[in-house]
Amino acid sequence: MAADYPVPSFHFQVSWGGAKLAFTEASGLKVETEVVEYRDGLSPEFSKIKMPGQRKFSDITLKRGVFKGDNEFYQWWNTVALNKVERRDIVISLLDEKHEPVVVWKVKNAWPSSLEGPSLNASGSEVAIESLTIVNEGITIQNA
């Protein structure tokens, strides 16, 4: 009988607009429900009840190596203007050893809020990594 192990976090893919993009890191996949506290004056309890409120979705950070002539991040960043931006639906998939999705995060109406270039160091030998932070209007999670 084969042992069951959790899925490692290093095998994943990000896609938008049909294109599959390679990233070294995808973080911030967080969904949270705000807590609403309420107590009416006739309640026999001397404490508040807690009920679910609106959902909040964290900003997502995508990191990748810098490649000559690859301007995808910059082109999307340049769509940001006063009250106008190109919004994209993004799919982030955690993959198994057969490259099949195990968990899928579907991100709705995302747009870039921050673009950070690599840290440059003349005495280092690390890969140049750029970082894109995106905001969104919803994340749904599907576990295969």
N, C-alpha and C. Protein backbone atom coordinates (compact mmCIF):
# COMPACT_ATOMS: atom_id res chain seq x y z
N MET A 1 0.84 -1.18 0.00
CA MET A 1 0.00 0.00 0.00
C MET A 1 0.89 1.25 0.00
N ALA A 2 0.61 2.17 -0.89
CA ALA A 2 1.39 3.39 -1.00
C ALA A 2 1.01 4.36 0.12
N ALA A 3 2.01 5.06 0.62
CA ALA A 3 1.77 6.05 1.67
C ALA A 3 1.15 7.31 1.08
N ASP A 4 0.29 7.95 1.84
CA ASP A 4 -0.30 9.22 1.43
C ASP A 4 0.51 10.35 2.04
N TYR A 5 0.92 11.28 1.19
CA TYR A 5 1.68 12.43 1.64
C TYR A 5 0.99 13.70 1.19
N PRO A 6 1.18 14.78 1.92
CA PRO A 6 0.66 16.07 1.47
C PRO A 6 1.35 16.48 0.16
N VAL A 7 0.68 17.31 -0.60
CA VAL A 7 1.22 17.77 -1.88
C VAL A 7 2.28 18.84 -1.61
N PRO A 8 3.46 18.74 -2.23
CA PRO A 8 4.47 19.79 -2.04
C PRO A 8 4.05 21.09 -2.72
N SER A 9 4.55 22.20 -2.20
CA SER A 9 4.11 23.52 -2.68
C SER A 9 4.93 24.05 -3.85
N PHE A 10 5.94 23.32 -4.31
CA PHE A 10 6.83 23.87 -5.34
C PHE A 10 6.37 23.63 -6.77
N HIS A 11 5.32 22.82 -6.98
CA HIS A 11 4.88 22.50 -8.34
C HIS A 11 3.52 23.15 -8.59
N PHE A 12 3.54 24.31 -9.27
CA PHE A 12 2.31 25.07 -9.49
C PHE A 12 2.41 25.82 -10.81
N GLN A 13 1.26 26.29 -11.27
CA GLN A 13 1.23 27.11 -12.49
C GLN A 13 0.24 28.25 -12.30
N VAL A 14 0.51 29.34 -13.02
CA VAL A 14 -0.35 30.52 -13.02
C VAL A 14 -0.75 30.77 -14.45
N SER A 15 -2.03 31.03 -14.69
CA SER A 15 -2.45 31.33 -16.06
C SER A 15 -3.43 32.49 -16.05
N TRP A 16 -3.35 33.28 -17.12
CA TRP A 16 -4.33 34.33 -17.37
C TRP A 16 -4.44 34.50 -18.87
N GLY A 17 -5.65 34.69 -19.31
CA GLY A 17 -5.90 34.86 -20.74
C GLY A 17 -5.45 33.68 -21.58
N GLY A 18 -5.46 32.48 -21.02
CA GLY A 18 -5.04 31.29 -21.76
C GLY A 18 -3.56 31.03 -21.73
N ALA A 19 -2.75 32.01 -21.32
CA ALA A 19 -1.30 31.84 -21.26
C ALA A 19 -0.91 31.25 -19.90
N LYS A 20 -0.02 30.25 -19.92
CA LYS A 20 0.53 29.69 -18.68
C LYS A 20 1.87 30.35 -18.44
N LEU A 21 2.03 30.95 -17.27
CA LEU A 21 3.23 31.69 -16.96
C LEU A 21 4.00 31.01 -15.84
N ALA A 22 5.34 31.09 -15.91
CA ALA A 22 6.20 30.48 -14.90
C ALA A 22 6.56 31.50 -13.84
N PHE A 23 6.39 31.14 -12.59
CA PHE A 23 6.73 31.99 -11.46
C PHE A 23 7.52 31.19 -10.44
N THR A 24 8.36 31.88 -9.67
CA THR A 24 9.10 31.22 -8.60
C THR A 24 8.28 31.19 -7.32
N GLU A 25 7.31 32.10 -7.22
CA GLU A 25 6.53 32.19 -6.00
C GLU A 25 5.18 32.82 -6.27
N ALA A 26 4.15 32.30 -5.62
CA ALA A 26 2.82 32.90 -5.60
C ALA A 26 2.37 32.87 -4.15
N SER A 27 2.13 34.04 -3.56
CA SER A 27 1.75 34.09 -2.15
C SER A 27 0.58 35.06 -1.95
N GLY A 28 -0.08 34.92 -0.79
CA GLY A 28 -1.20 35.80 -0.45
C GLY A 28 -2.54 35.21 -0.82
N LEU A 29 -2.63 33.91 -0.99
CA LEU A 29 -3.89 33.26 -1.37
C LEU A 29 -4.76 33.10 -0.11
N LYS A 30 -5.30 34.21 0.35
CA LYS A 30 -6.03 34.23 1.61
C LYS A 30 -7.43 34.80 1.41
N VAL A 31 -8.40 34.09 1.97
CA VAL A 31 -9.79 34.54 1.99
C VAL A 31 -10.20 34.63 3.45
N GLU A 32 -10.85 35.72 3.81
CA GLU A 32 -11.23 35.93 5.20
C GLU A 32 -12.65 36.47 5.26
N THR A 33 -13.41 36.02 6.25
CA THR A 33 -14.75 36.56 6.47
C THR A 33 -14.72 37.45 7.69
N GLU A 34 -15.18 38.69 7.52
CA GLU A 34 -15.23 39.62 8.65
C GLU A 34 -16.26 39.14 9.66
N VAL A 35 -16.02 39.43 10.91
CA VAL A 35 -16.93 39.06 11.99
C VAL A 35 -17.76 40.29 12.35
N VAL A 36 -19.08 40.12 12.35
CA VAL A 36 -20.00 41.19 12.74
C VAL A 36 -20.55 40.83 14.12
N GLU A 37 -20.36 41.74 15.06
CA GLU A 37 -20.89 41.52 16.41
C GLU A 37 -22.17 42.33 16.58
N TYR A 38 -23.15 41.71 17.26
CA TYR A 38 -24.45 42.37 17.40
C TYR A 38 -25.10 41.93 18.72
N ARG A 39 -25.75 42.87 19.35
CA ARG A 39 -26.55 42.55 20.53
C ARG A 39 -27.72 43.51 20.57
N ASP A 40 -28.93 42.97 20.68
CA ASP A 40 -30.09 43.85 20.82
C ASP A 40 -30.42 44.01 22.31
N GLY A 41 -31.15 45.05 22.62
CA GLY A 41 -31.44 45.38 24.01
C GLY A 41 -32.32 44.38 24.74
N LEU A 42 -33.09 43.56 24.02
CA LEU A 42 -33.96 42.58 24.67
C LEU A 42 -33.30 41.22 24.86
N SER A 43 -32.07 41.09 24.41
CA SER A 43 -31.39 39.80 24.50
C SER A 43 -31.19 39.37 25.95
N PRO A 44 -31.54 38.11 26.27
CA PRO A 44 -31.33 37.64 27.64
C PRO A 44 -29.84 37.38 27.93
N GLU A 45 -29.04 37.32 26.90
CA GLU A 45 -27.60 37.14 27.07
C GLU A 45 -26.94 38.50 27.27
N PHE A 46 -25.92 38.54 28.09
CA PHE A 46 -25.19 39.78 28.32
C PHE A 46 -23.91 39.83 27.48
N SER A 47 -24.00 39.26 26.31
CA SER A 47 -22.86 39.29 25.39
C SER A 47 -23.39 39.41 23.96
N LYS A 48 -22.52 39.74 23.07
CA LYS A 48 -22.88 39.91 21.67
C LYS A 48 -22.87 38.56 20.96
N ILE A 49 -23.69 38.47 19.90
CA ILE A 49 -23.58 37.31 19.03
C ILE A 49 -22.60 37.67 17.91
N LYS A 50 -22.01 36.67 17.32
CA LYS A 50 -21.08 36.88 16.22
C LYS A 50 -21.63 36.20 14.99
N MET A 51 -21.67 36.96 13.90
CA MET A 51 -22.19 36.41 12.65
C MET A 51 -21.25 36.78 11.51
N PRO A 52 -21.30 36.01 10.43
CA PRO A 52 -20.41 36.30 9.31
C PRO A 52 -20.81 37.56 8.57
N GLY A 53 -19.79 38.32 8.18
CA GLY A 53 -20.01 39.56 7.44
C GLY A 53 -19.46 39.42 6.02
N GLN A 54 -18.90 40.50 5.54
CA GLN A 54 -18.36 40.51 4.18
C GLN A 54 -17.04 39.75 4.12
N ARG A 55 -16.76 39.22 2.93
CA ARG A 55 -15.48 38.54 2.72
C ARG A 55 -14.42 39.53 2.29
N LYS A 56 -13.18 39.24 2.68
CA LYS A 56 -12.04 40.04 2.27
C LYS A 56 -11.06 39.10 1.56
N PHE A 57 -10.42 39.62 0.54
CA PHE A 57 -9.48 38.84 -0.25
C PHE A 57 -8.13 39.55 -0.22
N SER A 58 -7.09 38.82 0.16
CA SER A 58 -5.76 39.40 0.28
C SER A 58 -5.16 39.72 -1.08
N ASP A 59 -4.21 40.65 -1.05
CA ASP A 59 -3.42 40.91 -2.25
C ASP A 59 -2.55 39.68 -2.53
N ILE A 60 -2.31 39.41 -3.79
CA ILE A 60 -1.50 38.27 -4.20
C ILE A 60 -0.19 38.79 -4.78
N THR A 61 0.90 38.16 -4.39
CA THR A 61 2.21 38.54 -4.90
C THR A 61 2.74 37.42 -5.77
N LEU A 62 3.15 37.76 -6.98
CA LEU A 62 3.73 36.82 -7.93
C LEU A 62 5.17 37.24 -8.19
N LYS A 63 6.10 36.30 -8.08
CA LYS A 63 7.52 36.60 -8.31
C LYS A 63 8.04 35.69 -9.41
N ARG A 64 8.96 36.26 -10.22
CA ARG A 64 9.56 35.48 -11.30
C ARG A 64 10.90 36.10 -11.69
N GLY A 65 11.68 35.29 -12.40
CA GLY A 65 12.96 35.76 -12.90
C GLY A 65 12.76 36.73 -14.06
N VAL A 66 13.71 37.64 -14.20
CA VAL A 66 13.69 38.63 -15.28
C VAL A 66 14.29 38.00 -16.54
N PHE A 67 13.57 38.09 -17.66
CA PHE A 67 14.05 37.58 -18.94
C PHE A 67 14.11 38.72 -19.94
N LYS A 68 15.14 38.74 -20.73
CA LYS A 68 15.30 39.77 -21.75
C LYS A 68 14.14 39.71 -22.74
N GLY A 69 13.53 40.85 -23.01
CA GLY A 69 12.45 40.94 -23.99
C GLY A 69 11.09 40.50 -23.50
N ASP A 70 10.99 40.04 -22.24
CA ASP A 70 9.70 39.61 -21.69
C ASP A 70 9.08 40.79 -20.96
N ASN A 71 8.09 41.42 -21.58
CA ASN A 71 7.50 42.65 -21.05
C ASN A 71 6.08 42.47 -20.54
N GLU A 72 5.65 41.24 -20.29
CA GLU A 72 4.27 40.97 -19.89
C GLU A 72 3.86 41.76 -18.65
N PHE A 73 4.69 41.75 -17.60
CA PHE A 73 4.37 42.50 -16.38
C PHE A 73 4.23 43.98 -16.69
N TYR A 74 5.18 44.53 -17.44
CA TYR A 74 5.21 45.97 -17.69
C TYR A 74 4.02 46.41 -18.55
N GLN A 75 3.65 45.59 -19.52
CA GLN A 75 2.51 45.93 -20.37
C GLN A 75 1.22 45.97 -19.54
N TRP A 76 1.06 45.00 -18.64
CA TRP A 76 -0.13 45.00 -17.79
C TRP A 76 -0.08 46.19 -16.83
N TRP A 77 1.08 46.44 -16.24
CA TRP A 77 1.25 47.57 -15.32
C TRP A 77 0.89 48.88 -16.01
N ASN A 78 1.26 49.02 -17.27
CA ASN A 78 1.01 50.26 -18.01
C ASN A 78 -0.45 50.48 -18.36
N THR A 79 -1.33 49.49 -18.12
CA THR A 79 -2.77 49.70 -18.33
C THR A 79 -3.40 50.43 -17.16
N VAL A 80 -2.67 50.56 -16.05
CA VAL A 80 -3.20 51.24 -14.87
C VAL A 80 -3.17 52.75 -15.12
N ALA A 81 -4.33 53.37 -15.07
CA ALA A 81 -4.46 54.81 -15.22
C ALA A 81 -5.56 55.26 -14.26
N LEU A 82 -5.79 56.54 -14.19
CA LEU A 82 -6.80 57.06 -13.28
C LEU A 82 -8.15 56.42 -13.56
N ASN A 83 -8.62 55.62 -12.59
CA ASN A 83 -9.93 54.97 -12.64
C ASN A 83 -10.12 54.08 -13.86
N LYS A 84 -9.03 53.57 -14.40
CA LYS A 84 -9.10 52.69 -15.56
C LYS A 84 -7.95 51.69 -15.49
N VAL A 85 -8.25 50.42 -15.72
CA VAL A 85 -7.21 49.39 -15.67
C VAL A 85 -7.72 48.15 -16.39
N GLU A 86 -6.82 47.38 -16.94
CA GLU A 86 -7.19 46.09 -17.53
C GLU A 86 -7.28 45.06 -16.41
N ARG A 87 -8.46 44.53 -16.19
CA ARG A 87 -8.68 43.51 -15.16
C ARG A 87 -8.58 42.13 -15.81
N ARG A 88 -8.00 41.20 -15.07
CA ARG A 88 -7.84 39.84 -15.58
C ARG A 88 -8.30 38.83 -14.54
N ASP A 89 -8.87 37.74 -15.03
CA ASP A 89 -9.14 36.59 -14.17
C ASP A 89 -7.90 35.71 -14.23
N ILE A 90 -7.45 35.26 -13.08
CA ILE A 90 -6.21 34.49 -12.97
C ILE A 90 -6.53 33.16 -12.31
N VAL A 91 -5.87 32.11 -12.78
CA VAL A 91 -6.02 30.78 -12.19
C VAL A 91 -4.65 30.33 -11.70
N ILE A 92 -4.58 29.99 -10.41
CA ILE A 92 -3.35 29.48 -9.81
C ILE A 92 -3.64 28.04 -9.39
N SER A 93 -2.85 27.10 -9.90
CA SER A 93 -3.10 25.67 -9.66
C SER A 93 -1.91 25.02 -8.99
N LEU A 94 -2.16 24.32 -7.89
CA LEU A 94 -1.16 23.47 -7.26
C LEU A 94 -1.25 22.13 -7.96
N LEU A 95 -0.12 21.61 -8.47
CA LEU A 95 -0.13 20.42 -9.32
C LEU A 95 0.45 19.20 -8.61
N ASP A 96 -0.01 18.02 -9.02
CA ASP A 96 0.56 16.78 -8.51
C ASP A 96 1.70 16.32 -9.43
N GLU A 97 2.22 15.13 -9.16
CA GLU A 97 3.36 14.62 -9.94
C GLU A 97 3.01 14.34 -11.40
N LYS A 98 1.73 14.24 -11.71
CA LYS A 98 1.29 14.03 -13.10
C LYS A 98 0.94 15.36 -13.78
N HIS A 99 1.24 16.47 -13.13
CA HIS A 99 0.97 17.83 -13.62
C HIS A 99 -0.53 18.13 -13.69
N GLU A 100 -1.31 17.42 -12.88
CA GLU A 100 -2.75 17.65 -12.80
C GLU A 100 -3.06 18.53 -11.59
N PRO A 101 -4.05 19.44 -11.71
CA PRO A 101 -4.40 20.32 -10.59
C PRO A 101 -4.95 19.54 -9.39
N VAL A 102 -4.46 19.89 -8.21
CA VAL A 102 -4.97 19.32 -6.97
C VAL A 102 -5.84 20.36 -6.26
N VAL A 103 -5.31 21.57 -6.15
CA VAL A 103 -6.07 22.70 -5.60
C VAL A 103 -5.98 23.84 -6.61
N VAL A 104 -7.11 24.50 -6.87
CA VAL A 104 -7.16 25.59 -7.84
C VAL A 104 -7.75 26.82 -7.17
N TRP A 105 -7.03 27.93 -7.29
CA TRP A 105 -7.50 29.22 -6.81
C TRP A 105 -7.88 30.05 -8.03
N LYS A 106 -9.15 30.44 -8.11
CA LYS A 106 -9.62 31.28 -9.22
C LYS A 106 -9.77 32.70 -8.69
N VAL A 107 -9.01 33.60 -9.29
CA VAL A 107 -8.93 34.99 -8.84
C VAL A 107 -9.72 35.85 -9.82
N LYS A 108 -10.64 36.66 -9.29
CA LYS A 108 -11.57 37.43 -10.12
C LYS A 108 -11.18 38.90 -10.18
N ASN A 109 -11.22 39.46 -11.39
CA ASN A 109 -11.02 40.90 -11.64
C ASN A 109 -9.73 41.44 -11.01
N ALA A 110 -8.63 40.75 -11.25
CA ALA A 110 -7.35 41.18 -10.69
C ALA A 110 -6.72 42.28 -11.53
N TRP A 111 -5.96 43.14 -10.85
CA TRP A 111 -5.18 44.16 -11.55
C TRP A 111 -3.94 44.50 -10.72
N PRO A 112 -2.86 44.92 -11.37
CA PRO A 112 -1.60 45.15 -10.65
C PRO A 112 -1.62 46.45 -9.84
N SER A 113 -1.26 46.34 -8.57
CA SER A 113 -1.19 47.53 -7.71
C SER A 113 0.25 47.91 -7.41
N SER A 114 1.19 46.99 -7.65
CA SER A 114 2.59 47.27 -7.34
C SER A 114 3.48 46.40 -8.21
N LEU A 115 4.55 47.00 -8.71
CA LEU A 115 5.55 46.28 -9.50
C LEU A 115 6.92 46.64 -8.93
N GLU A 116 7.65 45.61 -8.50
CA GLU A 116 8.95 45.83 -7.88
C GLU A 116 10.03 45.14 -8.69
N GLY A 117 11.03 45.90 -9.06
CA GLY A 117 12.16 45.36 -9.80
C GLY A 117 13.08 44.56 -8.90
N PRO A 118 14.07 43.90 -9.48
CA PRO A 118 14.98 43.06 -8.69
C PRO A 118 15.93 43.89 -7.84
N SER A 119 16.45 43.26 -6.79
CA SER A 119 17.52 43.86 -6.00
C SER A 119 18.81 43.62 -6.76
N LEU A 120 19.56 44.67 -7.02
CA LEU A 120 20.79 44.57 -7.80
C LEU A 120 21.98 44.61 -6.86
N ASN A 121 22.92 43.66 -7.05
CA ASN A 121 24.07 43.55 -6.18
C ASN A 121 25.26 43.10 -7.01
N ALA A 122 26.27 43.96 -7.14
CA ALA A 122 27.41 43.67 -7.99
C ALA A 122 28.26 42.50 -7.49
N SER A 123 28.17 42.15 -6.22
CA SER A 123 28.97 41.05 -5.69
C SER A 123 28.18 39.75 -5.55
N GLY A 124 26.91 39.76 -5.95
CA GLY A 124 26.08 38.56 -5.83
C GLY A 124 26.01 37.78 -7.13
N SER A 125 25.45 36.58 -7.04
CA SER A 125 25.27 35.76 -8.24
C SER A 125 23.85 35.20 -8.32
N GLU A 126 22.92 35.83 -7.62
CA GLU A 126 21.53 35.38 -7.62
C GLU A 126 20.82 35.80 -8.91
N VAL A 127 19.75 35.11 -9.20
CA VAL A 127 18.91 35.44 -10.34
C VAL A 127 18.15 36.72 -10.02
N ALA A 128 17.99 37.59 -11.03
CA ALA A 128 17.21 38.81 -10.86
C ALA A 128 15.73 38.44 -10.81
N ILE A 129 15.06 38.77 -9.70
CA ILE A 129 13.66 38.43 -9.48
C ILE A 129 12.83 39.71 -9.42
N GLU A 130 11.74 39.76 -10.20
CA GLU A 130 10.81 40.87 -10.11
C GLU A 130 9.53 40.39 -9.45
N SER A 131 8.80 41.33 -8.88
CA SER A 131 7.62 40.99 -8.08
C SER A 131 6.44 41.86 -8.50
N LEU A 132 5.29 41.22 -8.70
CA LEU A 132 4.06 41.91 -9.07
C LEU A 132 3.02 41.64 -7.99
N THR A 133 2.47 42.70 -7.41
CA THR A 133 1.39 42.55 -6.43
C THR A 133 0.09 42.90 -7.13
N ILE A 134 -0.89 42.00 -7.00
CA ILE A 134 -2.19 42.23 -7.64
C ILE A 134 -3.29 42.25 -6.58
N VAL A 135 -4.25 43.12 -6.80
CA VAL A 135 -5.45 43.16 -5.97
C VAL A 135 -6.56 42.46 -6.75
N ASN A 136 -7.61 42.07 -6.06
CA ASN A 136 -8.66 41.31 -6.73
C ASN A 136 -9.99 41.52 -6.04
N GLU A 137 -11.04 41.00 -6.68
CA GLU A 137 -12.40 41.15 -6.14
C GLU A 137 -13.01 39.80 -5.77
N GLY A 138 -12.18 38.80 -5.61
CA GLY A 138 -12.72 37.51 -5.19
C GLY A 138 -11.78 36.36 -5.51
N ILE A 139 -11.74 35.39 -4.58
CA ILE A 139 -10.96 34.18 -4.78
C ILE A 139 -11.86 33.00 -4.42
N THR A 140 -11.99 32.06 -5.33
CA THR A 140 -12.69 30.82 -5.02
C THR A 140 -11.67 29.69 -5.04
N ILE A 141 -11.89 28.70 -4.18
CA ILE A 141 -10.93 27.61 -4.02
C ILE A 141 -11.64 26.30 -4.34
N GLN A 142 -10.99 25.49 -5.19
CA GLN A 142 -11.51 24.16 -5.53
C GLN A 142 -10.44 23.13 -5.24
N ASN A 143 -10.78 22.11 -4.48
CA ASN A 143 -9.86 21.02 -4.17
C ASN A 143 -10.33 19.78 -4.91
N ALA A 144 -9.48 19.32 -5.86
CA ALA A 144 -9.86 18.17 -6.70
C ALA A 144 -9.93 16.97 -5.88
